[in-house]
Amino acid sequence: MQWLILVLGLEFPPGLALLDCVNRTEDHFEGGADDRAAWIRWLGIAMVLAPVLVGYGIVLSYFWSVVKRNAPNRI
């Protein structure tokens, strides 16, 4: 039971990133609809690789290239 809770906790950040990606419009992505589709595939891979801690690199790159780029108070 403890392993199940651990795995679900590890899957939470990539799951939220995938949900965020699906709910964003194409104009939020640098490459448009093709870039959005590619990020959805990559975040799906991140969901699979999250328990071995590799998927978090994909989630971080999604954050920096999509989420941070579209923030209103961009630095």
N, C-alpha and C. Protein backbone atom coordinates (compact mmCIF):
# COMPACT_ATOMS: atom_id res chain seq x y z
N MET A 1 0.81 -1.20 0.00
CA MET A 1 0.00 0.00 0.00
C MET A 1 0.85 1.26 0.00
N GLN A 2 1.98 1.22 0.71
CA GLN A 2 2.85 2.39 0.75
C GLN A 2 3.47 2.66 -0.62
N TRP A 3 3.77 1.61 -1.38
CA TRP A 3 4.34 1.80 -2.71
C TRP A 3 3.33 2.43 -3.65
N LEU A 4 2.07 2.07 -3.49
CA LEU A 4 1.04 2.66 -4.33
C LEU A 4 0.92 4.16 -4.08
N ILE A 5 0.97 4.56 -2.84
CA ILE A 5 0.90 5.98 -2.50
C ILE A 5 2.13 6.71 -3.05
N LEU A 6 3.29 6.10 -2.96
CA LEU A 6 4.52 6.69 -3.49
C LEU A 6 4.45 6.87 -5.00
N VAL A 7 4.00 5.85 -5.71
CA VAL A 7 3.90 5.94 -7.17
C VAL A 7 2.87 6.98 -7.59
N LEU A 8 1.75 7.04 -6.90
CA LEU A 8 0.75 8.06 -7.22
C LEU A 8 1.28 9.46 -6.95
N GLY A 9 2.06 9.62 -5.90
CA GLY A 9 2.67 10.91 -5.62
C GLY A 9 3.69 11.31 -6.67
N LEU A 10 4.42 10.34 -7.19
CA LEU A 10 5.39 10.63 -8.24
C LEU A 10 4.73 10.96 -9.57
N GLU A 11 3.54 10.42 -9.79
CA GLU A 11 2.82 10.66 -11.04
C GLU A 11 2.05 11.99 -11.04
N PHE A 12 1.90 12.62 -9.90
CA PHE A 12 1.08 13.82 -9.80
C PHE A 12 1.62 15.00 -10.62
N PRO A 13 2.92 15.40 -10.51
CA PRO A 13 3.41 16.54 -11.31
C PRO A 13 3.34 16.32 -12.82
N PRO A 14 3.76 15.16 -13.35
CA PRO A 14 3.60 14.98 -14.80
C PRO A 14 2.14 14.94 -15.24
N GLY A 15 1.27 14.43 -14.38
CA GLY A 15 -0.15 14.41 -14.71
C GLY A 15 -0.73 15.82 -14.81
N LEU A 16 -0.34 16.67 -13.88
CA LEU A 16 -0.81 18.06 -13.94
C LEU A 16 -0.23 18.80 -15.14
N ALA A 17 1.03 18.52 -15.47
CA ALA A 17 1.64 19.15 -16.65
C ALA A 17 0.93 18.70 -17.92
N LEU A 18 0.58 17.42 -18.00
CA LEU A 18 -0.15 16.91 -19.16
C LEU A 18 -1.53 17.54 -19.25
N LEU A 19 -2.20 17.67 -18.14
CA LEU A 19 -3.51 18.32 -18.11
C LEU A 19 -3.41 19.78 -18.53
N ASP A 20 -2.37 20.47 -18.08
CA ASP A 20 -2.13 21.85 -18.46
C ASP A 20 -1.89 21.96 -19.96
N CYS A 21 -1.10 21.05 -20.50
CA CYS A 21 -0.78 21.07 -21.92
C CYS A 21 -2.02 20.83 -22.78
N VAL A 22 -2.86 19.91 -22.37
CA VAL A 22 -4.07 19.60 -23.13
C VAL A 22 -5.03 20.78 -23.11
N ASN A 23 -5.06 21.53 -22.03
CA ASN A 23 -6.00 22.65 -21.91
C ASN A 23 -5.48 23.96 -22.49
N ARG A 24 -4.23 24.02 -22.92
CA ARG A 24 -3.70 25.24 -23.54
C ARG A 24 -4.06 25.28 -25.02
N THR A 25 -4.21 26.49 -25.55
CA THR A 25 -4.48 26.63 -26.99
C THR A 25 -3.18 26.61 -27.76
N GLU A 26 -3.28 26.47 -29.07
CA GLU A 26 -2.10 26.35 -29.92
C GLU A 26 -1.24 27.61 -29.92
N ASP A 27 -1.83 28.77 -29.66
CA ASP A 27 -1.04 30.01 -29.70
C ASP A 27 -0.11 30.15 -28.49
N HIS A 28 -0.23 29.30 -27.50
CA HIS A 28 0.68 29.32 -26.36
C HIS A 28 1.99 28.61 -26.67
N PHE A 29 2.04 27.87 -27.76
CA PHE A 29 3.21 27.10 -28.12
C PHE A 29 3.94 27.79 -29.26
N GLU A 30 5.25 27.71 -29.23
CA GLU A 30 6.07 28.40 -30.22
C GLU A 30 5.84 27.85 -31.63
N GLY A 31 5.63 26.55 -31.75
CA GLY A 31 5.44 25.93 -33.05
C GLY A 31 3.99 25.69 -33.43
N GLY A 32 3.06 26.19 -32.66
CA GLY A 32 1.65 26.03 -32.97
C GLY A 32 1.12 24.66 -32.60
N ALA A 33 0.23 24.15 -33.45
CA ALA A 33 -0.46 22.88 -33.16
C ALA A 33 0.51 21.70 -33.19
N ASP A 34 1.50 21.73 -34.08
CA ASP A 34 2.47 20.64 -34.13
C ASP A 34 3.30 20.57 -32.85
N ASP A 35 3.69 21.72 -32.34
CA ASP A 35 4.46 21.77 -31.09
C ASP A 35 3.61 21.30 -29.92
N ARG A 36 2.33 21.66 -29.92
CA ARG A 36 1.43 21.22 -28.85
C ARG A 36 1.28 19.70 -28.86
N ALA A 37 1.11 19.13 -30.05
CA ALA A 37 0.98 17.67 -30.15
C ALA A 37 2.26 16.97 -29.70
N ALA A 38 3.40 17.55 -30.03
CA ALA A 38 4.67 16.96 -29.61
C ALA A 38 4.82 17.01 -28.09
N TRP A 39 4.43 18.13 -27.47
CA TRP A 39 4.52 18.22 -26.02
C TRP A 39 3.56 17.25 -25.33
N ILE A 40 2.40 17.01 -25.91
CA ILE A 40 1.48 16.03 -25.33
C ILE A 40 2.11 14.65 -25.35
N ARG A 41 2.78 14.30 -26.45
CA ARG A 41 3.46 13.00 -26.52
C ARG A 41 4.59 12.92 -25.51
N TRP A 42 5.40 14.00 -25.41
CA TRP A 42 6.52 13.98 -24.46
C TRP A 42 6.04 13.89 -23.03
N LEU A 43 4.96 14.57 -22.71
CA LEU A 43 4.45 14.50 -21.34
C LEU A 43 3.82 13.14 -21.05
N GLY A 44 3.32 12.46 -22.07
CA GLY A 44 2.88 11.09 -21.90
C GLY A 44 4.06 10.17 -21.56
N ILE A 45 5.19 10.41 -22.21
CA ILE A 45 6.40 9.66 -21.89
C ILE A 45 6.86 9.99 -20.48
N ALA A 46 6.73 11.25 -20.09
CA ALA A 46 7.11 11.65 -18.73
C ALA A 46 6.26 10.94 -17.68
N MET A 47 4.99 10.69 -18.00
CA MET A 47 4.12 9.96 -17.07
C MET A 47 4.66 8.55 -16.83
N VAL A 48 5.17 7.94 -17.89
CA VAL A 48 5.70 6.58 -17.77
C VAL A 48 7.03 6.57 -17.02
N LEU A 49 7.86 7.60 -17.26
CA LEU A 49 9.20 7.64 -16.69
C LEU A 49 9.29 8.33 -15.33
N ALA A 50 8.20 8.84 -14.83
CA ALA A 50 8.22 9.54 -13.54
C ALA A 50 8.62 8.65 -12.37
N PRO A 51 8.19 7.40 -12.30
CA PRO A 51 8.60 6.57 -11.16
C PRO A 51 10.11 6.32 -11.08
N VAL A 52 10.81 6.44 -12.19
CA VAL A 52 12.27 6.28 -12.15
C VAL A 52 12.96 7.65 -12.17
N LEU A 53 12.19 8.70 -11.95
CA LEU A 53 12.65 10.08 -11.79
C LEU A 53 13.26 10.70 -13.05
N VAL A 54 13.11 10.08 -14.20
CA VAL A 54 13.61 10.65 -15.45
C VAL A 54 12.58 11.60 -16.05
N GLY A 55 11.30 11.32 -15.83
CA GLY A 55 10.24 12.13 -16.41
C GLY A 55 10.20 13.55 -15.89
N TYR A 56 10.81 13.80 -14.75
CA TYR A 56 10.79 15.15 -14.20
C TYR A 56 11.62 16.13 -15.03
N GLY A 57 12.62 15.65 -15.73
CA GLY A 57 13.38 16.50 -16.65
C GLY A 57 12.51 16.99 -17.78
N ILE A 58 11.64 16.13 -18.28
CA ILE A 58 10.70 16.52 -19.33
C ILE A 58 9.70 17.53 -18.80
N VAL A 59 9.22 17.32 -17.60
CA VAL A 59 8.26 18.25 -16.99
C VAL A 59 8.91 19.62 -16.78
N LEU A 60 10.15 19.64 -16.32
CA LEU A 60 10.85 20.91 -16.13
C LEU A 60 11.08 21.64 -17.45
N SER A 61 11.43 20.91 -18.50
CA SER A 61 11.63 21.58 -19.78
C SER A 61 10.30 22.10 -20.34
N TYR A 62 9.19 21.40 -20.09
CA TYR A 62 7.88 21.92 -20.48
C TYR A 62 7.58 23.21 -19.72
N PHE A 63 7.90 23.23 -18.44
CA PHE A 63 7.66 24.43 -17.64
C PHE A 63 8.43 25.62 -18.19
N TRP A 64 9.72 25.43 -18.48
CA TRP A 64 10.53 26.55 -18.93
C TRP A 64 10.24 26.98 -20.35
N SER A 65 9.86 26.04 -21.23
CA SER A 65 9.66 26.43 -22.62
C SER A 65 8.23 26.86 -22.94
N VAL A 66 7.25 26.44 -22.17
CA VAL A 66 5.86 26.79 -22.47
C VAL A 66 5.25 27.65 -21.37
N VAL A 67 5.26 27.16 -20.15
CA VAL A 67 4.57 27.86 -19.07
C VAL A 67 5.25 29.18 -18.75
N LYS A 68 6.55 29.15 -18.56
CA LYS A 68 7.28 30.37 -18.19
C LYS A 68 7.28 31.38 -19.33
N ARG A 69 7.32 30.90 -20.58
CA ARG A 69 7.32 31.80 -21.73
C ARG A 69 6.01 32.57 -21.85
N ASN A 70 4.91 32.00 -21.40
CA ASN A 70 3.59 32.63 -21.50
C ASN A 70 3.14 33.33 -20.21
N ALA A 71 4.03 33.40 -19.23
CA ALA A 71 3.66 34.06 -17.97
C ALA A 71 3.54 35.56 -18.20
N PRO A 72 2.57 36.23 -17.58
CA PRO A 72 2.39 37.66 -17.78
C PRO A 72 3.54 38.49 -17.20
N ASN A 73 4.20 38.03 -16.16
CA ASN A 73 5.30 38.78 -15.57
C ASN A 73 6.63 38.14 -15.95
N ARG A 74 6.82 37.90 -17.23
CA ARG A 74 8.00 37.23 -17.76
C ARG A 74 9.24 38.07 -17.51
N ILE A 75 10.28 37.40 -17.02
CA ILE A 75 11.55 38.10 -16.73
C ILE A 75 12.50 37.91 -17.88
